[in-house]
Amino acid sequence: MPLIKVQTSVSAPEKTEVEAMLKNLSGKLAKHLGKPESYVMTAFEAGVPMTFAGTTDPVCYIEIKSVGTMKPDQTKAMSQDFCQEINQSLGVPTNRTYIEFADAKGAMWGWNGATFG
């Protein structure tokens, strides 16, 4: 049910580096939310035409969605953790990364032919 989707303007690193980054993000998201990693999905899209502050310098947009309610202390900790991870993995400065946190109602999140609500 938790999802972390990363879109960036930078070119994709080697496949093994991308996989390592996604596995790190998956484990961190599960830990931050207190949910089993077996439900966490990650996605990565590189080379997306993007601007931020009127420039095409490296930039990143991250979506984090989960069934339930994320508390402000959780989103603050996740913002710090994931901005740092993206900076280390992709070289995107933390001040050029936006993160959207979205709570989903169980009935609005489908899986395995059913929903979580």
PDB file of N, CA and C in Angstrom:
ATOM      1  N   MET A   1       0.802  -1.203   0.000  1.00  0.00           N
ATOM      2  CA  MET A   1       0.000   0.000   0.000  1.00  0.00           C
ATOM      3  C   MET A   1       0.842   1.263   0.000  1.00  0.00           C
ATOM      4  N   PRO A   2       1.975   1.333   0.703  1.00  0.00           N
ATOM      5  CA  PRO A   2       2.795   2.529   0.538  1.00  0.00           C
ATOM      6  C   PRO A   2       3.491   2.532  -0.821  1.00  0.00           C
ATOM      7  N   LEU A   3       3.606   3.725  -1.386  1.00  0.00           N
ATOM      8  CA  LEU A   3       4.260   3.909  -2.672  1.00  0.00           C
ATOM      9  C   LEU A   3       5.220   5.072  -2.572  1.00  0.00           C
ATOM     10  N   ILE A   4       6.407   4.901  -3.130  1.00  0.00           N
ATOM     11  CA  ILE A   4       7.326   6.012  -3.308  1.00  0.00           C
ATOM     12  C   ILE A   4       7.730   6.022  -4.772  1.00  0.00           C
ATOM     13  N   LYS A   5       7.425   7.139  -5.436  1.00  0.00           N
ATOM     14  CA  LYS A   5       7.697   7.296  -6.863  1.00  0.00           C
ATOM     15  C   LYS A   5       8.636   8.479  -7.040  1.00  0.00           C
ATOM     16  N   VAL A   6       9.739   8.238  -7.731  1.00  0.00           N
ATOM     17  CA  VAL A   6      10.764   9.256  -7.939  1.00  0.00           C
ATOM     18  C   VAL A   6      10.827   9.612  -9.416  1.00  0.00           C
ATOM     19  N   GLN A   7      10.682  10.893  -9.710  1.00  0.00           N
ATOM     20  CA  GLN A   7      10.872  11.399 -11.064  1.00  0.00           C
ATOM     21  C   GLN A   7      11.985  12.440 -10.999  1.00  0.00           C
ATOM     22  N   THR A   8      12.922  12.349 -11.943  1.00  0.00           N
ATOM     23  CA  THR A   8      14.045  13.276 -11.932  1.00  0.00           C
ATOM     24  C   THR A   8      14.458  13.660 -13.340  1.00  0.00           C
ATOM     25  N   SER A   9      15.087  14.802 -13.424  1.00  0.00           N
ATOM     26  CA  SER A   9      15.583  15.275 -14.719  1.00  0.00           C
ATOM     27  C   SER A   9      16.936  14.671 -15.072  1.00  0.00           C
ATOM     28  N   VAL A  10      17.620  14.108 -14.087  1.00  0.00           N
ATOM     29  CA  VAL A  10      18.949  13.550 -14.361  1.00  0.00           C
ATOM     30  C   VAL A  10      18.837  12.217 -15.089  1.00  0.00           C
ATOM     31  N   SER A  11      19.896  11.858 -15.775  1.00  0.00           N
ATOM     32  CA  SER A  11      19.936  10.565 -16.464  1.00  0.00           C
ATOM     33  C   SER A  11      20.006   9.443 -15.440  1.00  0.00           C
ATOM     34  N   ALA A  12      19.496   8.297 -15.820  1.00  0.00           N
ATOM     35  CA  ALA A  12      19.505   7.148 -14.914  1.00  0.00           C
ATOM     36  C   ALA A  12      20.926   6.640 -14.709  1.00  0.00           C
ATOM     37  N   PRO A  13      21.275   6.356 -13.459  1.00  0.00           N
ATOM     38  CA  PRO A  13      22.555   5.696 -13.216  1.00  0.00           C
ATOM     39  C   PRO A  13      22.495   4.244 -13.707  1.00  0.00           C
ATOM     40  N   GLU A  14      23.553   3.515 -13.483  1.00  0.00           N
ATOM     41  CA  GLU A  14      23.578   2.096 -13.849  1.00  0.00           C
ATOM     42  C   GLU A  14      22.418   1.365 -13.175  1.00  0.00           C
ATOM     43  N   LYS A  15      21.941   0.311 -13.829  1.00  0.00           N
ATOM     44  CA  LYS A  15      20.789  -0.450 -13.326  1.00  0.00           C
ATOM     45  C   LYS A  15      20.994  -0.920 -11.886  1.00  0.00           C
ATOM     46  N   THR A  16      22.180  -1.389 -11.571  1.00  0.00           N
ATOM     47  CA  THR A  16      22.441  -1.873 -10.207  1.00  0.00           C
ATOM     48  C   THR A  16      22.340  -0.746  -9.183  1.00  0.00           C
ATOM     49  N   GLU A  17      22.754   0.462  -9.571  1.00  0.00           N
ATOM     50  CA  GLU A  17      22.657   1.613  -8.675  1.00  0.00           C
ATOM     51  C   GLU A  17      21.195   2.013  -8.474  1.00  0.00           C
ATOM     52  N   VAL A  18      20.410   1.970  -9.528  1.00  0.00           N
ATOM     53  CA  VAL A  18      18.984   2.281  -9.425  1.00  0.00           C
ATOM     54  C   VAL A  18      18.302   1.267  -8.517  1.00  0.00           C
ATOM     55  N   GLU A  19      18.589  -0.008  -8.724  1.00  0.00           N
ATOM     56  CA  GLU A  19      17.983  -1.053  -7.901  1.00  0.00           C
ATOM     57  C   GLU A  19      18.356  -0.890  -6.433  1.00  0.00           C
ATOM     58  N   ALA A  20      19.617  -0.556  -6.169  1.00  0.00           N
ATOM     59  CA  ALA A  20      20.057  -0.353  -4.785  1.00  0.00           C
ATOM     60  C   ALA A  20      19.327   0.832  -4.162  1.00  0.00           C
ATOM     61  N   MET A  21      19.184   1.918  -4.921  1.00  0.00           N
ATOM     62  CA  MET A  21      18.471   3.093  -4.418  1.00  0.00           C
ATOM     63  C   MET A  21      17.018   2.739  -4.104  1.00  0.00           C
ATOM     64  N   LEU A  22      16.350   2.033  -5.024  1.00  0.00           N
ATOM     65  CA  LEU A  22      14.946   1.673  -4.811  1.00  0.00           C
ATOM     66  C   LEU A  22      14.781   0.749  -3.608  1.00  0.00           C
ATOM     67  N   LYS A  23      15.705  -0.177  -3.426  1.00  0.00           N
ATOM     68  CA  LYS A  23      15.639  -1.060  -2.258  1.00  0.00           C
ATOM     69  C   LYS A  23      15.835  -0.267  -0.970  1.00  0.00           C
ATOM     70  N   ASN A  24      16.755   0.711  -0.980  1.00  0.00           N
ATOM     71  CA  ASN A  24      16.943   1.566   0.193  1.00  0.00           C
ATOM     72  C   ASN A  24      15.686   2.370   0.491  1.00  0.00           C
ATOM     73  N   LEU A  25      15.104   2.964  -0.553  1.00  0.00           N
ATOM     74  CA  LEU A  25      13.886   3.737  -0.367  1.00  0.00           C
ATOM     75  C   LEU A  25      12.743   2.871   0.166  1.00  0.00           C
ATOM     76  N   SER A  26      12.632   1.654  -0.341  1.00  0.00           N
ATOM     77  CA  SER A  26      11.583   0.736   0.092  1.00  0.00           C
ATOM     78  C   SER A  26      11.710   0.424   1.586  1.00  0.00           C
ATOM     79  N   GLY A  27      12.907   0.061   1.998  1.00  0.00           N
ATOM     80  CA  GLY A  27      13.132  -0.258   3.404  1.00  0.00           C
ATOM     81  C   GLY A  27      12.899   0.935   4.316  1.00  0.00           C
ATOM     82  N   LYS A  28      13.364   2.102   3.885  1.00  0.00           N
ATOM     83  CA  LYS A  28      13.187   3.309   4.689  1.00  0.00           C
ATOM     84  C   LYS A  28      11.718   3.691   4.800  1.00  0.00           C
ATOM     85  N   LEU A  29      10.974   3.587   3.686  1.00  0.00           N
ATOM     86  CA  LEU A  29       9.560   3.942   3.726  1.00  0.00           C
ATOM     87  C   LEU A  29       8.798   3.013   4.671  1.00  0.00           C
ATOM     88  N   ALA A  30       9.071   1.727   4.589  1.00  0.00           N
ATOM     89  CA  ALA A  30       8.416   0.770   5.490  1.00  0.00           C
ATOM     90  C   ALA A  30       8.708   1.122   6.947  1.00  0.00           C
ATOM     91  N   LYS A  31       9.954   1.449   7.224  1.00  0.00           N
ATOM     92  CA  LYS A  31      10.342   1.776   8.605  1.00  0.00           C
ATOM     93  C   LYS A  31       9.664   3.062   9.074  1.00  0.00           C
ATOM     94  N   HIS A  32       9.688   4.096   8.248  1.00  0.00           N
ATOM     95  CA  HIS A  32       9.061   5.365   8.631  1.00  0.00           C
ATOM     96  C   HIS A  32       7.569   5.205   8.910  1.00  0.00           C
ATOM     97  N   LEU A  33       6.900   4.392   8.109  1.00  0.00           N
ATOM     98  CA  LEU A  33       5.450   4.234   8.244  1.00  0.00           C
ATOM     99  C   LEU A  33       5.047   3.113   9.190  1.00  0.00           C
ATOM    100  N   GLY A  34       6.006   2.280   9.582  1.00  0.00           N
ATOM    101  CA  GLY A  34       5.679   1.153  10.454  1.00  0.00           C
ATOM    102  C   GLY A  34       4.820   0.119   9.766  1.00  0.00           C
ATOM    103  N   LYS A  35       5.030  -0.044   8.463  1.00  0.00           N
ATOM    104  CA  LYS A  35       4.250  -1.007   7.683  1.00  0.00           C
ATOM    105  C   LYS A  35       5.185  -2.060   7.104  1.00  0.00           C
ATOM    106  N   PRO A  36       4.659  -3.249   6.796  1.00  0.00           N
ATOM    107  CA  PRO A  36       5.511  -4.301   6.233  1.00  0.00           C
ATOM    108  C   PRO A  36       6.060  -3.897   4.864  1.00  0.00           C
ATOM    109  N   GLU A  37       7.338  -4.144   4.658  1.00  0.00           N
ATOM    110  CA  GLU A  37       7.941  -3.821   3.372  1.00  0.00           C
ATOM    111  C   GLU A  37       7.327  -4.659   2.254  1.00  0.00           C
ATOM    112  N   SER A  38       6.707  -5.774   2.597  1.00  0.00           N
ATOM    113  CA  SER A  38       6.102  -6.629   1.580  1.00  0.00           C
ATOM    114  C   SER A  38       4.976  -5.922   0.822  1.00  0.00           C
ATOM    115  N   TYR A  39       4.494  -4.783   1.340  1.00  0.00           N
ATOM    116  CA  TYR A  39       3.450  -4.014   0.661  1.00  0.00           C
ATOM    117  C   TYR A  39       3.982  -2.762  -0.028  1.00  0.00           C
ATOM    118  N   VAL A  40       5.249  -2.439   0.157  1.00  0.00           N
ATOM    119  CA  VAL A  40       5.812  -1.196  -0.387  1.00  0.00           C
ATOM    120  C   VAL A  40       6.139  -1.355  -1.870  1.00  0.00           C
ATOM    121  N   MET A  41       5.750  -0.347  -2.662  1.00  0.00           N
ATOM    122  CA  MET A  41       6.092  -0.304  -4.081  1.00  0.00           C
ATOM    123  C   MET A  41       6.974   0.914  -4.314  1.00  0.00           C
ATOM    124  N   THR A  42       7.977   0.739  -5.182  1.00  0.00           N
ATOM    125  CA  THR A  42       8.829   1.855  -5.574  1.00  0.00           C
ATOM    126  C   THR A  42       8.768   2.003  -7.085  1.00  0.00           C
ATOM    127  N   ALA A  43       8.992   3.218  -7.565  1.00  0.00           N
ATOM    128  CA  ALA A  43       9.042   3.477  -9.001  1.00  0.00           C
ATOM    129  C   ALA A  43      10.077   4.565  -9.245  1.00  0.00           C
ATOM    130  N   PHE A  44      10.724   4.489 -10.401  1.00  0.00           N
ATOM    131  CA  PHE A  44      11.773   5.457 -10.737  1.00  0.00           C
ATOM    132  C   PHE A  44      11.690   5.815 -12.205  1.00  0.00           C
ATOM    133  N   GLU A  45      11.699   7.107 -12.484  1.00  0.00           N
ATOM    134  CA  GLU A  45      11.678   7.594 -13.853  1.00  0.00           C
ATOM    135  C   GLU A  45      12.740   8.681 -13.985  1.00  0.00           C
ATOM    136  N   ALA A  46      13.729   8.439 -14.831  1.00  0.00           N
ATOM    137  CA  ALA A  46      14.829   9.383 -15.034  1.00  0.00           C
ATOM    138  C   ALA A  46      14.685  10.081 -16.380  1.00  0.00           C
ATOM    139  N   GLY A  47      15.428  11.155 -16.533  1.00  0.00           N
ATOM    140  CA  GLY A  47      15.449  11.863 -17.807  1.00  0.00           C
ATOM    141  C   GLY A  47      14.156  12.585 -18.141  1.00  0.00           C
ATOM    142  N   VAL A  48      13.380  12.946 -17.115  1.00  0.00           N
ATOM    143  CA  VAL A  48      12.113  13.642 -17.329  1.00  0.00           C
ATOM    144  C   VAL A  48      12.407  15.130 -17.555  1.00  0.00           C
ATOM    145  N   PRO A  49      11.893  15.719 -18.632  1.00  0.00           N
ATOM    146  CA  PRO A  49      12.083  17.155 -18.821  1.00  0.00           C
ATOM    147  C   PRO A  49      11.391  17.917 -17.683  1.00  0.00           C
ATOM    148  N   MET A  50      12.175  18.652 -16.898  1.00  0.00           N
ATOM    149  CA  MET A  50      11.652  19.345 -15.727  1.00  0.00           C
ATOM    150  C   MET A  50      12.383  20.674 -15.545  1.00  0.00           C
ATOM    151  N   THR A  51      11.707  21.604 -14.894  1.00  0.00           N
ATOM    152  CA  THR A  51      12.355  22.833 -14.450  1.00  0.00           C
ATOM    153  C   THR A  51      12.027  23.058 -12.986  1.00  0.00           C
ATOM    154  N   PHE A  52      12.843  23.845 -12.338  1.00  0.00           N
ATOM    155  CA  PHE A  52      12.595  24.278 -10.966  1.00  0.00           C
ATOM    156  C   PHE A  52      13.278  25.631 -10.818  1.00  0.00           C
ATOM    157  N   ALA A  53      12.578  26.600 -10.284  1.00  0.00           N
ATOM    158  CA  ALA A  53      13.115  27.956 -10.119  1.00  0.00           C
ATOM    159  C   ALA A  53      13.577  28.536 -11.455  1.00  0.00           C
ATOM    160  N   GLY A  54      12.907  28.132 -12.526  1.00  0.00           N
ATOM    161  CA  GLY A  54      13.198  28.676 -13.835  1.00  0.00           C
ATOM    162  C   GLY A  54      14.435  28.140 -14.526  1.00  0.00           C
ATOM    163  N   THR A  55      15.003  27.050 -13.965  1.00  0.00           N
ATOM    164  CA  THR A  55      16.186  26.466 -14.598  1.00  0.00           C
ATOM    165  C   THR A  55      15.972  24.977 -14.841  1.00  0.00           C
ATOM    166  N   THR A  56      16.815  24.425 -15.695  1.00  0.00           N
ATOM    167  CA  THR A  56      16.782  22.986 -15.968  1.00  0.00           C
ATOM    168  C   THR A  56      17.911  22.257 -15.240  1.00  0.00           C
ATOM    169  N   ASP A  57      18.489  22.894 -14.216  1.00  0.00           N
ATOM    170  CA  ASP A  57      19.480  22.210 -13.380  1.00  0.00           C
ATOM    171  C   ASP A  57      18.822  20.964 -12.776  1.00  0.00           C
ATOM    172  N   PRO A  58      19.620  19.986 -12.326  1.00  0.00           N
ATOM    173  CA  PRO A  58      19.042  18.754 -11.780  1.00  0.00           C
ATOM    174  C   PRO A  58      17.940  19.018 -10.751  1.00  0.00           C
ATOM    175  N   VAL A  59      16.853  18.275 -10.905  1.00  0.00           N
ATOM    176  CA  VAL A  59      15.680  18.441 -10.062  1.00  0.00           C
ATOM    177  C   VAL A  59      15.015  17.077  -9.843  1.00  0.00           C
ATOM    178  N   CYS A  60      14.242  16.968  -8.766  1.00  0.00           N
ATOM    179  CA  CYS A  60      13.576  15.705  -8.452  1.00  0.00           C
ATOM    180  C   CYS A  60      12.212  15.982  -7.825  1.00  0.00           C
ATOM    181  N   TYR A  61      11.247  15.146  -8.186  1.00  0.00           N
ATOM    182  CA  TYR A  61       9.909  15.177  -7.599  1.00  0.00           C
ATOM    183  C   TYR A  61       9.617  13.779  -7.074  1.00  0.00           C
ATOM    184  N   ILE A  62       9.180  13.712  -5.830  1.00  0.00           N
ATOM    185  CA  ILE A  62       8.903  12.428  -5.186  1.00  0.00           C
ATOM    186  C   ILE A  62       7.457  12.422  -4.702  1.00  0.00           C
ATOM    187  N   GLU A  63       6.758  11.332  -4.976  1.00  0.00           N
ATOM    188  CA  GLU A  63       5.415  11.125  -4.430  1.00  0.00           C
ATOM    189  C   GLU A  63       5.489  10.012  -3.399  1.00  0.00           C
ATOM    190  N   ILE A  64       4.908  10.270  -2.248  1.00  0.00           N
ATOM    191  CA  ILE A  64       4.799   9.238  -1.212  1.00  0.00           C
ATOM    192  C   ILE A  64       3.325   9.141  -0.848  1.00  0.00           C
ATOM    193  N   LYS A  65       2.777   7.949  -1.058  1.00  0.00           N
ATOM    194  CA  LYS A  65       1.367   7.710  -0.772  1.00  0.00           C
ATOM    195  C   LYS A  65       1.240   6.503   0.139  1.00  0.00           C
ATOM    196  N   SER A  66       0.249   6.564   1.014  1.00  0.00           N
ATOM    197  CA  SER A  66       0.030   5.455   1.934  1.00  0.00           C
ATOM    198  C   SER A  66      -1.402   5.468   2.435  1.00  0.00           C
ATOM    199  N   VAL A  67      -1.928   4.285   2.699  1.00  0.00           N
ATOM    200  CA  VAL A  67      -3.243   4.171   3.315  1.00  0.00           C
ATOM    201  C   VAL A  67      -3.084   4.522   4.789  1.00  0.00           C
ATOM    202  N   GLY A  68      -3.932   5.406   5.252  1.00  0.00           N
ATOM    203  CA  GLY A  68      -3.857   5.849   6.637  1.00  0.00           C
ATOM    204  C   GLY A  68      -3.423   7.301   6.706  1.00  0.00           C
ATOM    205  N   THR A  69      -3.030   7.727   7.875  1.00  0.00           N
ATOM    206  CA  THR A  69      -2.665   9.121   8.092  1.00  0.00           C
ATOM    207  C   THR A  69      -1.195   9.240   8.448  1.00  0.00           C
ATOM    208  N   MET A  70      -0.491  10.043   7.681  1.00  0.00           N
ATOM    209  CA  MET A  70       0.904  10.349   8.008  1.00  0.00           C
ATOM    210  C   MET A  70       0.900  11.594   8.897  1.00  0.00           C
ATOM    211  N   LYS A  71       1.627  11.518   9.977  1.00  0.00           N
ATOM    212  CA  LYS A  71       1.693  12.629  10.927  1.00  0.00           C
ATOM    213  C   LYS A  71       2.810  13.590  10.537  1.00  0.00           C
ATOM    214  N   PRO A  72       2.697  14.857  10.936  1.00  0.00           N
ATOM    215  CA  PRO A  72       3.716  15.849  10.591  1.00  0.00           C
ATOM    216  C   PRO A  72       5.141  15.454  10.977  1.00  0.00           C
ATOM    217  N   ASP A  73       5.305  14.813  12.132  1.00  0.00           N
ATOM    218  CA  ASP A  73       6.662  14.402  12.509  1.00  0.00           C
ATOM    219  C   ASP A  73       7.193  13.316  11.574  1.00  0.00           C
ATOM    220  N   GLN A  74       6.313  12.456  11.070  1.00  0.00           N
ATOM    221  CA  GLN A  74       6.722  11.438  10.099  1.00  0.00           C
ATOM    222  C   GLN A  74       7.128  12.060   8.775  1.00  0.00           C
ATOM    223  N   THR A  75       6.297  12.990   8.266  1.00  0.00           N
ATOM    224  CA  THR A  75       6.606  13.583   6.966  1.00  0.00           C
ATOM    225  C   THR A  75       7.877  14.421   7.032  1.00  0.00           C
ATOM    226  N   LYS A  76       8.100  15.082   8.152  1.00  0.00           N
ATOM    227  CA  LYS A  76       9.331  15.866   8.313  1.00  0.00           C
ATOM    228  C   LYS A  76      10.552  14.957   8.286  1.00  0.00           C
ATOM    229  N   ALA A  77      10.491  13.857   9.024  1.00  0.00           N
ATOM    230  CA  ALA A  77      11.608  12.903   9.053  1.00  0.00           C
ATOM    231  C   ALA A  77      11.816  12.263   7.682  1.00  0.00           C
ATOM    232  N   MET A  78      10.721  11.924   6.989  1.00  0.00           N
ATOM    233  CA  MET A  78      10.832  11.334   5.667  1.00  0.00           C
ATOM    234  C   MET A  78      11.419  12.326   4.672  1.00  0.00           C
ATOM    235  N   SER A  79      11.022  13.580   4.764  1.00  0.00           N
ATOM    236  CA  SER A  79      11.552  14.588   3.851  1.00  0.00           C
ATOM    237  C   SER A  79      13.067  14.682   3.988  1.00  0.00           C
ATOM    238  N   GLN A  80      13.530  14.739   5.207  1.00  0.00           N
ATOM    239  CA  GLN A  80      14.973  14.820   5.446  1.00  0.00           C
ATOM    240  C   GLN A  80      15.675  13.569   4.931  1.00  0.00           C
ATOM    241  N   ASP A  81      15.162  12.413   5.260  1.00  0.00           N
ATOM    242  CA  ASP A  81      15.776  11.141   4.892  1.00  0.00           C
ATOM    243  C   ASP A  81      15.795  10.943   3.370  1.00  0.00           C
ATOM    244  N   PHE A  82      14.653  11.166   2.712  1.00  0.00           N
ATOM    245  CA  PHE A  82      14.570  10.901   1.278  1.00  0.00           C
ATOM    246  C   PHE A  82      15.287  11.957   0.447  1.00  0.00           C
ATOM    247  N   CYS A  83      15.277  13.210   0.886  1.00  0.00           N
ATOM    248  CA  CYS A  83      16.064  14.231   0.170  1.00  0.00           C
ATOM    249  C   CYS A  83      17.550  13.888   0.223  1.00  0.00           C
ATOM    250  N   GLN A  84      18.003  13.432   1.374  1.00  0.00           N
ATOM    251  CA  GLN A  84      19.406  13.044   1.526  1.00  0.00           C
ATOM    252  C   GLN A  84      19.733  11.829   0.655  1.00  0.00           C
ATOM    253  N   GLU A  85      18.852  10.850   0.633  1.00  0.00           N
ATOM    254  CA  GLU A  85      19.061   9.646  -0.183  1.00  0.00           C
ATOM    255  C   GLU A  85      19.149  10.000  -1.670  1.00  0.00           C
ATOM    256  N   ILE A  86      18.266  10.861  -2.137  1.00  0.00           N
ATOM    257  CA  ILE A  86      18.272  11.266  -3.542  1.00  0.00           C
ATOM    258  C   ILE A  86      19.526  12.075  -3.864  1.00  0.00           C
ATOM    259  N   ASN A  87      19.939  12.922  -2.936  1.00  0.00           N
ATOM    260  CA  ASN A  87      21.162  13.689  -3.143  1.00  0.00           C
ATOM    261  C   ASN A  87      22.363  12.764  -3.274  1.00  0.00           C
ATOM    262  N   GLN A  88      22.449  11.775  -2.406  1.00  0.00           N
ATOM    263  CA  GLN A  88      23.579  10.832  -2.443  1.00  0.00           C
ATOM    264  C   GLN A  88      23.511   9.921  -3.658  1.00  0.00           C
ATOM    265  N   SER A  89      22.316   9.472  -4.021  1.00  0.00           N
ATOM    266  CA  SER A  89      22.169   8.511  -5.114  1.00  0.00           C
ATOM    267  C   SER A  89      22.210   9.158  -6.495  1.00  0.00           C
ATOM    268  N   LEU A  90      21.610  10.347  -6.619  1.00  0.00           N
ATOM    269  CA  LEU A  90      21.447  10.963  -7.934  1.00  0.00           C
ATOM    270  C   LEU A  90      22.178  12.294  -8.090  1.00  0.00           C
ATOM    271  N   GLY A  91      22.632  12.854  -6.975  1.00  0.00           N
ATOM    272  CA  GLY A  91      23.318  14.141  -7.035  1.00  0.00           C
ATOM    273  C   GLY A  91      22.403  15.339  -7.146  1.00  0.00           C
ATOM    274  N   VAL A  92      21.107  15.149  -6.918  1.00  0.00           N
ATOM    275  CA  VAL A  92      20.167  16.264  -6.968  1.00  0.00           C
ATOM    276  C   VAL A  92      20.224  16.994  -5.620  1.00  0.00           C
ATOM    277  N   PRO A  93      20.481  18.309  -5.635  1.00  0.00           N
ATOM    278  CA  PRO A  93      20.527  19.051  -4.373  1.00  0.00           C
ATOM    279  C   PRO A  93      19.204  18.951  -3.613  1.00  0.00           C
ATOM    280  N   THR A  94      19.297  18.930  -2.292  1.00  0.00           N
ATOM    281  CA  THR A  94      18.090  18.792  -1.479  1.00  0.00           C
ATOM    282  C   THR A  94      17.138  19.969  -1.675  1.00  0.00           C
ATOM    283  N   ASN A  95      17.672  21.148  -2.010  1.00  0.00           N
ATOM    284  CA  ASN A  95      16.802  22.305  -2.207  1.00  0.00           C
ATOM    285  C   ASN A  95      16.186  22.342  -3.609  1.00  0.00           C
ATOM    286  N   ARG A  96      16.407  21.278  -4.384  1.00  0.00           N
ATOM    287  CA  ARG A  96      15.774  21.148  -5.706  1.00  0.00           C
ATOM    288  C   ARG A  96      14.941  19.863  -5.770  1.00  0.00           C
ATOM    289  N   THR A  97      14.483  19.433  -4.608  1.00  0.00           N
ATOM    290  CA  THR A  97      13.647  18.232  -4.511  1.00  0.00           C
ATOM    291  C   THR A  97      12.348  18.585  -3.802  1.00  0.00           C
ATOM    292  N   TYR A  98      11.250  18.293  -4.458  1.00  0.00           N
ATOM    293  CA  TYR A  98       9.926  18.432  -3.840  1.00  0.00           C
ATOM    294  C   TYR A  98       9.413  17.028  -3.522  1.00  0.00           C
ATOM    295  N   ILE A  99       8.706  16.931  -2.398  1.00  0.00           N
ATOM    296  CA  ILE A  99       8.061  15.675  -2.016  1.00  0.00           C
ATOM    297  C   ILE A  99       6.593  15.952  -1.735  1.00  0.00           C
ATOM    298  N   GLU A 100       5.725  15.164  -2.359  1.00  0.00           N
ATOM    299  CA  GLU A 100       4.296  15.249  -2.087  1.00  0.00           C
ATOM    300  C   GLU A 100       3.895  14.042  -1.248  1.00  0.00           C
ATOM    301  N   PHE A 101       3.357  14.299  -0.073  1.00  0.00           N
ATOM    302  CA  PHE A 101       2.854  13.243   0.801  1.00  0.00           C
ATOM    303  C   PHE A 101       1.338  13.196   0.651  1.00  0.00           C
ATOM    304  N   ALA A 102       0.795  12.009   0.432  1.00  0.00           N
ATOM    305  CA  ALA A 102      -0.648  11.885   0.254  1.00  0.00           C
ATOM    306  C   ALA A 102      -1.176  10.689   1.034  1.00  0.00           C
ATOM    307  N   ASP A 103      -2.144  10.968   1.902  1.00  0.00           N
ATOM    308  CA  ASP A 103      -2.849   9.906   2.620  1.00  0.00           C
ATOM    309  C   ASP A 103      -3.967   9.388   1.725  1.00  0.00           C
ATOM    310  N   ALA A 104      -4.157   8.094   1.711  1.00  0.00           N
ATOM    311  CA  ALA A 104      -5.230   7.498   0.926  1.00  0.00           C
ATOM    312  C   ALA A 104      -6.191   6.754   1.854  1.00  0.00           C
ATOM    313  N   LYS A 105      -7.465   6.849   1.534  1.00  0.00           N
ATOM    314  CA  LYS A 105      -8.456   6.044   2.250  1.00  0.00           C
ATOM    315  C   LYS A 105      -8.348   4.623   1.721  1.00  0.00           C
ATOM    316  N   GLY A 106      -8.534   3.665   2.595  1.00  0.00           N
ATOM    317  CA  GLY A 106      -8.406   2.262   2.215  1.00  0.00           C
ATOM    318  C   GLY A 106      -9.266   1.870   1.027  1.00  0.00           C
ATOM    319  N   ALA A 107     -10.464   2.414   0.956  1.00  0.00           N
ATOM    320  CA  ALA A 107     -11.371   2.078  -0.145  1.00  0.00           C
ATOM    321  C   ALA A 107     -10.911   2.666  -1.478  1.00  0.00           C
ATOM    322  N   MET A 108      -9.958   3.600  -1.436  1.00  0.00           N
ATOM    323  CA  MET A 108      -9.469   4.250  -2.641  1.00  0.00           C
ATOM    324  C   MET A 108      -8.120   3.677  -3.101  1.00  0.00           C
ATOM    325  N   TRP A 109      -7.713   2.554  -2.533  1.00  0.00           N
ATOM    326  CA  TRP A 109      -6.432   1.937  -2.861  1.00  0.00           C
ATOM    327  C   TRP A 109      -6.680   0.457  -3.140  1.00  0.00           C
ATOM    328  N   GLY A 110      -6.532   0.079  -4.400  1.00  0.00           N
ATOM    329  CA  GLY A 110      -6.814  -1.303  -4.781  1.00  0.00           C
ATOM    330  C   GLY A 110      -5.573  -2.181  -4.792  1.00  0.00           C
ATOM    331  N   TRP A 111      -5.796  -3.458  -4.570  1.00  0.00           N
ATOM    332  CA  TRP A 111      -4.724  -4.452  -4.600  1.00  0.00           C
ATOM    333  C   TRP A 111      -5.340  -5.852  -4.641  1.00  0.00           C
ATOM    334  N   ASN A 112      -4.788  -6.688  -5.467  1.00  0.00           N
ATOM    335  CA  ASN A 112      -5.159  -8.096  -5.497  1.00  0.00           C
ATOM    336  C   ASN A 112      -6.658  -8.305  -5.730  1.00  0.00           C
ATOM    337  N   GLY A 113      -7.236  -7.465  -6.578  1.00  0.00           N
ATOM    338  CA  GLY A 113      -8.649  -7.597  -6.910  1.00  0.00           C
ATOM    339  C   GLY A 113      -9.601  -7.074  -5.854  1.00  0.00           C
ATOM    340  N   ALA A 114      -9.069  -6.392  -4.847  1.00  0.00           N
ATOM    341  CA  ALA A 114      -9.905  -5.841  -3.768  1.00  0.00           C
ATOM    342  C   ALA A 114      -9.367  -4.460  -3.409  1.00  0.00           C
ATOM    343  N   THR A 115      -9.787  -3.937  -2.274  1.00  0.00           N
ATOM    344  CA  THR A 115      -9.244  -2.681  -1.774  1.00  0.00           C
ATOM    345  C   THR A 115      -8.833  -2.896  -0.317  1.00  0.00           C
ATOM    346  N   PHE A 116      -8.181  -1.884   0.241  1.00  0.00           N
ATOM    347  CA  PHE A 116      -7.776  -1.958   1.650  1.00  0.00           C
ATOM    348  C   PHE A 116      -8.848  -1.403   2.588  1.00  0.00           C
ATOM    349  N   GLY A 117     -10.013  -1.030   2.034  1.00  0.00           N
ATOM    350  CA  GLY A 117     -11.035  -0.446   2.890  1.00  0.00           C
ATOM    351  C   GLY A 117     -12.311  -1.225   2.897  1.00  0.00           C
TER     352      GLY A 117
END
